[in-house]
């Protein structure tokens, strides 16, 4: 793909790139896109003397795409703009890491919880549950279902956090500055509920397979054999049989998770921490995020636990209904069976999720979540007639390893996607 000579701005944060001084001594790279053959202008850094190895091959950017030489990517000097495409992409990636990693890490706890919900006679307590699973399945059995857990909750996290940030901004803009501040809790609730409706559609198939694998001995070893068996037994529609109960569990959970977190963090900055948030260190801000997330997680566990029992019951028993679950478990059982373990698990999980999510945001140069009202859109200004901008061209070298590079660039009139591969030829 040809590179336009118009003003462009990378959508990938600059932290993904190396410094402007390369290990081979070049600190600036320019490209003349007006010529059929691109002319390269290099300035050698006075502080670095080594020259590139002759065995190193580079990839360049030609009119038809990537040919040979080196890849050059224009990068912005400024940080990610709030509520820009790069902002939402960063939040989506933070959500993937936040939910995917944490849920996978607590797979053993989740395995015991699900079995306690399905067979409370056999799995009477947390300790006995671990003992029985270790005796019957060994240490490897405690990780059963980790693959559908990782895939399902990564997809859910991407939608949950990415769409939450989107809907929070969208509803704030609809309300306007005055009402966005006055009714911010309602905006948090509406934004999180809207995001979770989408996120659960992404989660539901993997959740169905996970529960079946974890709670039916001998059903399958994991996702690779469990998904085909599930589809043969119940068809594609069976993967979404638990969607409504999942909404019943996850929507209240997520509304509580986001609204209570935002409120708790705001209260902590207002009453417990004497320093304004923007003057606090990043480590202190992340500690506040974890504390706020843990407290919010306790509320989340209590609110969503009855539906969690329903989801486990329905996904374990073929053809079961909500009425069957209530009849067998009772209302008290729905609300309390496995609750202490879930409070510990969800509290830790939610605290870790907010910690990871905000740590990733800080890593890419964004502020942590919470501590103020949602920001509505500013008044629209007239179109700028400025048609040029300064660009920094970064060269990426490869010497001994195969590497892969991806660049998304944007200008005022079009969006360019440039995909590059870096390679070396062994001498």
Protein backbone atom coordinates (compact mmCIF):
# COMPACT_ATOMS: atom_id res chain seq x y z
CA UNK A 1 0.00 0.00 0.00
CA UNK A 2 1.37 3.35 -0.94
CA UNK A 3 1.96 5.89 1.77
CA UNK A 4 0.19 9.19 1.27
CA UNK A 5 2.22 12.36 1.48
CA UNK A 6 -0.54 14.02 3.47
CA UNK A 7 -0.20 14.66 7.16
CA UNK A 8 -0.55 11.40 9.04
CA UNK A 9 -0.74 10.38 12.65
CA UNK A 10 -0.11 6.90 13.96
CA UNK A 11 -2.91 5.24 15.91
CA UNK A 12 -0.39 3.02 17.66
CA UNK A 13 0.99 4.62 20.87
CA UNK A 14 4.59 5.71 20.65
CA UNK A 15 5.62 3.42 23.53
CA UNK A 16 5.44 0.53 21.04
CA UNK A 17 8.32 1.96 19.07
CA UNK A 18 12.00 2.12 19.81
CA UNK A 19 13.67 5.42 20.58
CA UNK A 20 14.48 7.70 17.71
CA UNK A 21 18.12 6.75 18.03
CA UNK A 22 18.53 3.28 16.59
CA UNK A 23 21.17 0.82 17.75
CA UNK A 24 22.89 1.34 14.42
CA UNK A 25 23.43 5.01 14.82
CA UNK A 26 20.59 6.55 12.80
CA UNK A 27 18.21 8.87 14.55
CA UNK A 28 16.07 10.33 11.76
CA UNK A 29 14.50 8.84 8.67
CA UNK A 30 12.65 10.77 6.02
CA UNK A 31 10.68 9.55 3.05
CA UNK A 32 9.74 11.36 -0.12
CA UNK A 33 6.41 9.89 -1.19
CA UNK A 34 6.14 12.05 -4.31
CA UNK A 35 8.65 9.92 -6.20
CA UNK A 36 8.08 6.47 -7.58
CA UNK A 37 11.23 5.32 -5.86
CA UNK A 38 11.49 6.55 -2.30
CA UNK A 39 14.65 8.47 -1.44
CA UNK A 40 15.98 7.88 2.04
CA UNK A 41 17.76 10.56 4.05
CA UNK A 42 19.60 9.40 7.14
CA UNK A 43 21.35 11.44 9.78
CA UNK A 44 23.91 9.65 11.84
CA UNK A 45 23.76 10.21 15.57
CA UNK A 46 27.06 11.69 16.75
CA UNK A 47 26.92 9.66 19.97
CA UNK A 48 26.63 6.24 18.35
CA UNK A 49 29.29 4.84 16.08
CA UNK A 50 28.45 1.23 15.19
CA UNK A 51 27.22 0.54 11.68
CA UNK A 52 24.66 -2.02 10.59
CA UNK A 53 25.79 -5.57 10.18
CA UNK A 54 26.13 -6.60 6.53
CA UNK A 55 24.07 -9.72 7.25
CA UNK A 56 21.09 -7.65 8.31
CA UNK A 57 18.31 -7.20 5.75
CA UNK A 58 15.76 -4.43 5.93
CA UNK A 59 12.30 -3.93 4.60
CA UNK A 60 11.27 -0.72 2.94
CA UNK A 61 7.97 0.83 1.96
CA UNK A 62 7.35 1.02 -1.75
CA UNK A 63 4.41 2.09 -3.86
CA UNK A 64 3.02 -1.43 -3.93
CA UNK A 65 3.62 -2.16 -0.31
CA UNK A 66 6.66 -3.52 1.48
CA UNK A 67 9.61 -4.45 -0.67
CA UNK A 68 13.07 -4.38 0.84
CA UNK A 69 15.09 -2.21 3.15
CA UNK A 70 13.49 -1.02 6.39
CA UNK A 71 10.03 -0.14 7.66
CA UNK A 72 9.46 3.50 8.46
CA UNK A 73 6.52 4.52 10.60
CA UNK A 74 5.51 8.09 11.47
CA UNK A 75 4.80 8.35 15.19
CA UNK A 76 3.11 11.13 17.15
CA UNK A 77 4.98 13.11 19.73
CA UNK A 78 1.85 13.65 21.75
CA UNK A 79 0.08 11.11 23.98
CA UNK A 80 -3.07 9.26 23.00
CA UNK A 81 -5.97 11.64 22.66
CA UNK A 82 -8.87 10.88 24.99
CA UNK A 83 -11.86 9.22 23.29
CA UNK A 84 -9.99 8.84 20.02
CA UNK A 85 -9.88 5.52 18.11
CA UNK A 86 -6.49 4.86 19.71
CA UNK A 87 -8.00 5.47 23.15
CA UNK A 88 -10.76 2.90 22.63
CA UNK A 89 -8.27 0.44 21.12
CA UNK A 90 -6.06 0.80 24.20
CA UNK A 91 -9.04 0.29 26.52
CA UNK A 92 -10.05 -2.82 24.57
CA UNK A 93 -6.56 -4.26 24.87
CA UNK A 94 -6.51 -3.41 28.57
CA UNK A 95 -9.81 -5.25 28.98
CA UNK A 96 -8.45 -8.35 27.24
CA UNK A 97 -5.47 -8.47 29.59
CA UNK A 98 -7.55 -7.56 32.62
CA UNK A 99 -10.27 -10.21 32.30
CA UNK A 100 -8.48 -12.91 30.35
CA UNK A 101 -5.46 -13.18 32.64
CA UNK A 102 -7.29 -12.87 35.95
CA UNK A 103 -10.05 -15.37 35.20
CA UNK A 104 -7.51 -17.87 33.89
CA UNK A 105 -5.38 -17.42 37.02
CA UNK A 106 -8.29 -18.37 39.31
CA UNK A 107 -9.38 -21.40 37.25
CA UNK A 108 -8.78 -23.80 40.20
CA UNK A 109 -11.05 -21.72 42.45
CA UNK A 110 -13.67 -21.49 39.74
CA UNK A 111 -13.49 -25.26 39.23
CA UNK A 112 -14.20 -25.93 42.92
CA UNK A 113 -16.98 -23.31 42.99
CA UNK A 114 -18.78 -24.79 39.99
CA UNK A 115 -18.62 -28.30 41.44
CA UNK A 116 -19.88 -27.07 44.82
CA UNK A 117 -22.84 -25.50 43.05
CA UNK A 118 -23.63 -28.62 41.01
CA UNK A 119 -22.94 -31.33 43.62
CA UNK A 120 -22.99 -29.85 47.14
CA UNK A 121 -23.28 -33.31 48.73
CA UNK A 122 -19.92 -34.39 47.33
CA UNK A 123 -18.18 -31.01 47.44
CA UNK A 124 -19.19 -29.74 50.88
CA UNK A 125 -16.53 -27.08 51.41
CA UNK A 126 -13.67 -25.31 49.69
CA UNK A 127 -10.97 -27.42 51.34
CA UNK A 128 -12.76 -30.73 50.77
CA UNK A 129 -13.48 -29.69 47.18
CA UNK A 130 -9.80 -29.14 46.47
CA UNK A 131 -8.97 -32.43 48.21
CA UNK A 132 -11.47 -34.42 46.14
CA UNK A 133 -10.33 -32.88 42.86
CA UNK A 134 -6.66 -33.49 43.66
CA UNK A 135 -7.39 -37.10 44.61
CA UNK A 136 -9.51 -37.87 41.55
CA UNK A 137 -7.81 -35.78 38.85
CA UNK A 138 -4.39 -34.87 40.19
CA UNK A 139 -2.74 -31.47 40.13
CA UNK A 140 -3.33 -31.19 36.38
CA UNK A 141 -7.06 -31.48 36.96
CA UNK A 142 -7.12 -28.14 38.79
CA UNK A 143 -6.45 -26.36 35.50
CA UNK A 144 -9.32 -28.07 33.68
CA UNK A 145 -11.18 -25.66 31.44
CA UNK A 146 -8.48 -22.99 31.37
CA UNK A 147 -8.52 -22.61 27.56
CA UNK A 148 -12.24 -21.75 27.20
CA UNK A 149 -11.82 -19.56 30.27
CA UNK A 150 -8.97 -17.62 28.68
CA UNK A 151 -10.67 -17.23 25.31
CA UNK A 152 -14.14 -16.49 26.65
CA UNK A 153 -13.17 -13.95 29.26
CA UNK A 154 -10.63 -12.25 26.98
CA UNK A 155 -13.44 -11.66 24.48
CA UNK A 156 -15.72 -10.53 27.26
CA UNK A 157 -13.10 -8.17 28.69
CA UNK A 158 -12.47 -6.58 25.32
CA UNK A 159 -16.16 -5.76 24.92
CA UNK A 160 -16.79 -4.94 28.58
CA UNK A 161 -14.10 -2.30 29.02
CA UNK A 162 -13.95 -1.03 25.46
CA UNK A 163 -17.69 -0.51 25.12
CA UNK A 164 -17.99 0.84 28.68
CA UNK A 165 -15.64 3.68 27.85
CA UNK A 166 -17.55 4.26 24.61
CA UNK A 167 -21.03 4.22 26.15
CA UNK A 168 -19.94 6.31 29.14
CA UNK A 169 -18.78 9.03 26.77
CA UNK A 170 -21.81 8.60 24.51
CA UNK A 171 -24.34 8.95 27.32
CA UNK A 172 -22.39 11.87 28.82
CA UNK A 173 -22.59 13.67 25.50
CA UNK A 174 -26.33 13.02 25.32
CA UNK A 175 -26.85 14.38 28.82
CA UNK A 176 -24.66 17.45 28.41
CA UNK A 177 -22.12 18.90 30.88
CA UNK A 178 -24.59 19.80 33.65
CA UNK A 179 -26.56 16.56 33.74
CA UNK A 180 -23.50 14.40 33.09
CA UNK A 181 -22.05 15.68 36.35
CA UNK A 182 -25.34 15.64 38.26
CA UNK A 183 -26.38 12.13 37.21
CA UNK A 184 -22.98 10.55 36.74
CA UNK A 185 -23.90 7.37 38.64
CA UNK A 186 -26.79 6.76 36.24
CA UNK A 187 -24.37 7.22 33.35
CA UNK A 188 -21.99 4.68 34.91
CA UNK A 189 -24.86 2.22 35.34
CA UNK A 190 -26.24 2.71 31.83
CA UNK A 191 -22.83 2.54 30.18
CA UNK A 192 -21.78 -0.63 31.99
CA UNK A 193 -25.12 -2.36 31.37
CA UNK A 194 -24.97 -1.56 27.66
CA UNK A 195 -21.42 -2.86 27.40
CA UNK A 196 -22.20 -6.07 29.26
CA UNK A 197 -25.10 -6.98 26.98
CA UNK A 198 -22.58 -7.15 24.13
CA UNK A 199 -19.81 -8.71 26.20
CA UNK A 200 -21.93 -11.66 27.33
CA UNK A 201 -22.76 -12.64 23.76
CA UNK A 202 -19.00 -12.99 23.22
CA UNK A 203 -18.55 -14.94 26.48
CA UNK A 204 -21.53 -17.30 26.40
CA UNK A 205 -20.27 -20.08 24.06
CA UNK A 206 -16.98 -20.53 25.91
CA UNK A 207 -18.73 -20.35 29.29
CA UNK A 208 -21.08 -23.17 28.28
CA UNK A 209 -18.20 -25.43 27.24
CA UNK A 210 -16.15 -24.50 30.32
CA UNK A 211 -18.88 -25.44 32.79
CA UNK A 212 -19.60 -28.74 31.01
CA UNK A 213 -15.90 -29.67 30.96
CA UNK A 214 -15.39 -28.72 34.60
CA UNK A 215 -18.47 -30.33 36.13
CA UNK A 216 -19.07 -33.54 34.14
CA UNK A 217 -16.32 -36.10 34.77
CA UNK A 218 -15.19 -37.77 31.59
CA UNK A 219 -17.03 -35.37 29.29
CA UNK A 220 -13.88 -33.88 27.75
CA UNK A 221 -10.31 -32.88 28.53
CA UNK A 222 -10.73 -29.32 27.35
CA UNK A 223 -11.93 -27.07 24.56
CA UNK A 224 -10.55 -29.03 21.61
CA UNK A 225 -12.65 -32.12 22.30
CA UNK A 226 -15.27 -30.49 24.50
CA UNK A 227 -16.64 -28.06 21.89
CA UNK A 228 -17.32 -30.74 19.23
CA UNK A 229 -19.01 -32.98 21.80
CA UNK A 230 -21.12 -30.09 23.04
CA UNK A 231 -22.19 -29.19 19.50
CA UNK A 232 -23.05 -32.80 18.69
CA UNK A 233 -25.16 -33.09 21.82
CA UNK A 234 -27.00 -29.77 21.80
CA UNK A 235 -26.24 -28.02 18.54
CA UNK A 236 -25.04 -24.47 17.99
CA UNK A 237 -28.03 -23.02 19.82
CA UNK A 238 -27.03 -24.92 22.94
CA UNK A 239 -23.96 -22.69 23.26
CA UNK A 240 -26.31 -19.76 23.97
CA UNK A 241 -28.78 -21.62 26.17
CA UNK A 242 -27.37 -19.89 29.21
CA UNK A 243 -27.31 -16.39 27.68
CA UNK A 244 -30.35 -15.01 29.53
CA UNK A 245 -29.18 -16.32 32.95
CA UNK A 246 -25.70 -15.06 32.03
CA UNK A 247 -27.16 -11.61 31.45
CA UNK A 248 -28.97 -11.99 34.76
CA UNK A 249 -25.65 -12.70 36.46
CA UNK A 250 -23.30 -10.42 34.57
CA UNK A 251 -25.34 -7.25 33.96
CA UNK A 252 -26.05 -6.59 37.67
CA UNK A 253 -22.48 -7.66 38.42
CA UNK A 254 -20.99 -5.26 35.87
CA UNK A 255 -23.29 -2.38 36.82
CA UNK A 256 -22.19 -2.81 40.42
CA UNK A 257 -18.57 -3.32 39.37
CA UNK A 258 -18.26 -0.10 37.40
CA UNK A 259 -20.64 2.22 39.26
CA UNK A 260 -19.42 1.25 42.73
CA UNK A 261 -15.79 1.37 41.60
CA UNK A 262 -16.17 4.86 40.16
CA UNK A 263 -17.96 6.03 43.31
CA UNK A 264 -15.50 4.40 45.73
CA UNK A 265 -12.48 5.79 43.89
CA UNK A 266 -14.00 9.27 43.88
CA UNK A 267 -14.68 9.03 47.63
CA UNK A 268 -11.15 7.81 48.30
CA UNK A 269 -9.63 10.75 46.47
CA UNK A 270 -12.04 13.15 48.12
CA UNK A 271 -11.88 11.98 51.74
CA UNK A 272 -9.01 9.53 52.28
CA UNK A 273 -6.20 10.97 50.15
CA UNK A 274 -5.25 14.60 50.86
CA UNK A 275 -3.51 15.07 47.50
CA UNK A 276 -5.53 15.73 44.32
CA UNK A 277 -5.53 12.80 41.90
CA UNK A 278 -3.53 14.58 39.21
CA UNK A 279 -0.75 15.22 41.73
CA UNK A 280 -0.66 11.66 43.11
CA UNK A 281 2.04 9.29 41.92
CA UNK A 282 1.10 6.61 39.43
CA UNK A 283 1.80 3.89 41.98
CA UNK A 284 -0.60 5.50 44.46
CA UNK A 285 -3.27 5.84 41.77
CA UNK A 286 -2.91 2.16 40.90
CA UNK A 287 -3.16 1.23 44.59
CA UNK A 288 -6.41 3.19 44.77
CA UNK A 289 -7.64 1.35 41.69
CA UNK A 290 -6.93 -2.04 43.28
CA UNK A 291 -8.54 -1.09 46.61
CA UNK A 292 -11.60 0.35 44.91
CA UNK A 293 -11.86 -2.72 42.71
CA UNK A 294 -11.65 -5.14 45.63
CA UNK A 295 -14.38 -3.38 47.60
CA UNK A 296 -16.55 -3.20 44.50
CA UNK A 297 -15.96 -6.91 43.91
CA UNK A 298 -17.52 -7.86 47.25
CA UNK A 299 -20.73 -6.06 46.29
CA UNK A 300 -20.60 -7.65 42.84
CA UNK A 301 -20.40 -11.17 44.23
CA UNK A 302 -23.46 -10.77 46.45
CA UNK A 303 -25.60 -9.14 43.74
CA UNK A 304 -24.80 -11.62 40.98
CA UNK A 305 -24.50 -14.89 42.92
CA UNK A 306 -28.06 -16.26 42.45
CA UNK A 307 -27.73 -15.98 38.68
CA UNK A 308 -24.26 -17.54 38.86
CA UNK A 309 -25.81 -20.63 40.46
CA UNK A 310 -28.44 -20.69 37.72
CA UNK A 311 -25.84 -20.54 34.94
CA UNK A 312 -23.87 -23.42 36.43
CA UNK A 313 -27.02 -25.51 36.91
CA UNK A 314 -28.38 -24.92 33.39
CA UNK A 315 -25.08 -25.53 31.61
CA UNK A 316 -24.49 -28.75 33.53
CA UNK A 317 -27.92 -30.38 33.06
CA UNK A 318 -29.21 -31.03 29.56
CA UNK A 319 -32.73 -29.66 29.05
CA UNK A 320 -32.87 -28.07 32.52
CA UNK A 321 -34.93 -24.92 33.11
CA UNK A 322 -34.85 -22.08 35.61
CA UNK A 323 -37.82 -23.64 37.40
CA UNK A 324 -35.90 -26.90 37.80
CA UNK A 325 -33.01 -25.01 39.35
CA UNK A 326 -35.23 -23.17 41.83
CA UNK A 327 -37.07 -26.36 42.75
CA UNK A 328 -33.87 -28.34 43.34
CA UNK A 329 -31.72 -25.67 45.01
CA UNK A 330 -34.35 -23.48 46.66
CA UNK A 331 -34.23 -19.69 46.85
CA UNK A 332 -31.89 -19.73 49.83
CA UNK A 333 -29.58 -22.16 48.07
CA UNK A 334 -29.53 -19.98 44.96
CA UNK A 335 -28.46 -16.99 47.02
CA UNK A 336 -25.95 -18.63 49.35
CA UNK A 337 -24.53 -21.85 47.93
CA UNK A 338 -20.85 -21.22 47.21
CA UNK A 339 -21.14 -17.53 48.17
CA UNK A 340 -18.18 -17.27 50.62
CA UNK A 341 -15.78 -18.69 48.06
CA UNK A 342 -17.21 -16.43 45.36
CA UNK A 343 -16.77 -13.34 47.57
CA UNK A 344 -13.09 -14.16 48.03
CA UNK A 345 -12.66 -15.01 44.36
CA UNK A 346 -14.59 -12.07 42.90
CA UNK A 347 -13.16 -9.53 45.36
CA UNK A 348 -9.61 -10.51 44.46
CA UNK A 349 -10.51 -10.87 40.80
CA UNK A 350 -12.16 -7.46 40.51
CA UNK A 351 -9.37 -5.72 42.39
CA UNK A 352 -6.77 -7.34 40.13
CA UNK A 353 -8.79 -6.51 37.01
CA UNK A 354 -8.96 -2.83 37.81
CA UNK A 355 -5.28 -2.87 38.77
CA UNK A 356 -4.23 -4.48 35.47
CA UNK A 357 -6.59 -2.36 33.39
CA UNK A 358 -5.41 0.93 34.88
CA UNK A 359 -1.78 -0.21 34.83
CA UNK A 360 -2.09 -0.77 31.09
CA UNK A 361 -3.72 2.63 30.65
CA UNK A 362 -0.86 4.26 32.56
CA UNK A 363 1.61 2.26 30.47
CA UNK A 364 0.25 3.77 27.25
CA UNK A 365 0.07 7.26 28.71
CA UNK A 366 -3.60 7.43 29.72
CA UNK A 367 -4.98 8.47 33.14
CA UNK A 368 -6.37 5.88 35.53
CA UNK A 369 -10.13 5.34 35.73
CA UNK A 370 -12.36 7.21 38.17
CA UNK A 371 -11.97 10.19 40.41
CA UNK A 372 -14.30 12.54 38.54
CA UNK A 373 -17.45 12.97 36.50
CA UNK A 374 -17.67 11.71 32.92
CA UNK A 375 -16.39 14.18 30.37
CA UNK A 376 -18.97 15.30 27.81
CA UNK A 377 -17.93 16.41 24.37
CA UNK A 378 -16.69 20.00 24.11
CA UNK A 379 -18.43 22.48 21.87
CA UNK A 380 -17.72 21.80 18.23
CA UNK A 381 -15.23 24.15 16.67
CA UNK A 382 -14.92 25.08 13.03
CA UNK A 383 -12.82 22.93 10.76
CA UNK A 384 -9.15 23.66 10.83
CA UNK A 385 -7.53 24.69 7.59
CA UNK A 386 -4.09 23.64 8.78
CA UNK A 387 -2.87 21.01 6.34
CA UNK A 388 0.59 20.07 7.54
CA UNK A 389 2.21 18.71 10.66
CA UNK A 390 5.66 17.71 11.88
CA UNK A 391 6.42 14.02 11.63
CA UNK A 392 9.06 11.87 13.22
CA UNK A 393 10.02 8.88 11.10
CA UNK A 394 11.23 5.93 13.13
CA UNK A 395 13.30 3.20 11.53
CA UNK A 396 13.03 -0.34 12.84
CA UNK A 397 16.00 -2.64 12.38
CA UNK A 398 16.14 -6.40 12.60
CA UNK A 399 19.40 -8.23 12.99
CA UNK A 400 19.05 -11.69 14.47
CA UNK A 401 15.34 -12.37 14.97
CA UNK A 402 12.19 -12.55 12.91
CA UNK A 403 9.81 -9.81 13.90
CA UNK A 404 6.40 -8.59 12.94
CA UNK A 405 5.25 -4.97 12.74
CA UNK A 406 1.81 -3.45 12.41
CA UNK A 407 1.03 0.21 11.80
CA UNK A 408 -2.30 1.98 11.55
CA UNK A 409 -2.03 5.52 10.24
CA UNK A 410 -4.61 8.20 9.75
CA UNK A 411 -4.84 11.58 8.10
CA UNK A 412 -7.68 14.04 7.78
CA UNK A 413 -9.15 12.45 4.66
CA UNK A 414 -8.49 8.75 4.89
CA UNK A 415 -7.20 5.98 7.11
CA UNK A 416 -4.26 3.90 5.99
CA UNK A 417 -3.42 0.49 7.31
CA UNK A 418 0.13 -0.64 6.70
CA UNK A 419 1.18 -4.15 7.62
CA UNK A 420 4.87 -4.90 7.68
CA UNK A 421 7.06 -7.90 8.19
CA UNK A 422 10.66 -7.65 9.31
CA UNK A 423 13.03 -10.47 8.50
CA UNK A 424 16.71 -11.38 8.36
CA UNK A 425 18.67 -13.56 6.01
CA UNK A 426 21.25 -15.68 7.75
CA UNK A 427 24.76 -15.27 6.41
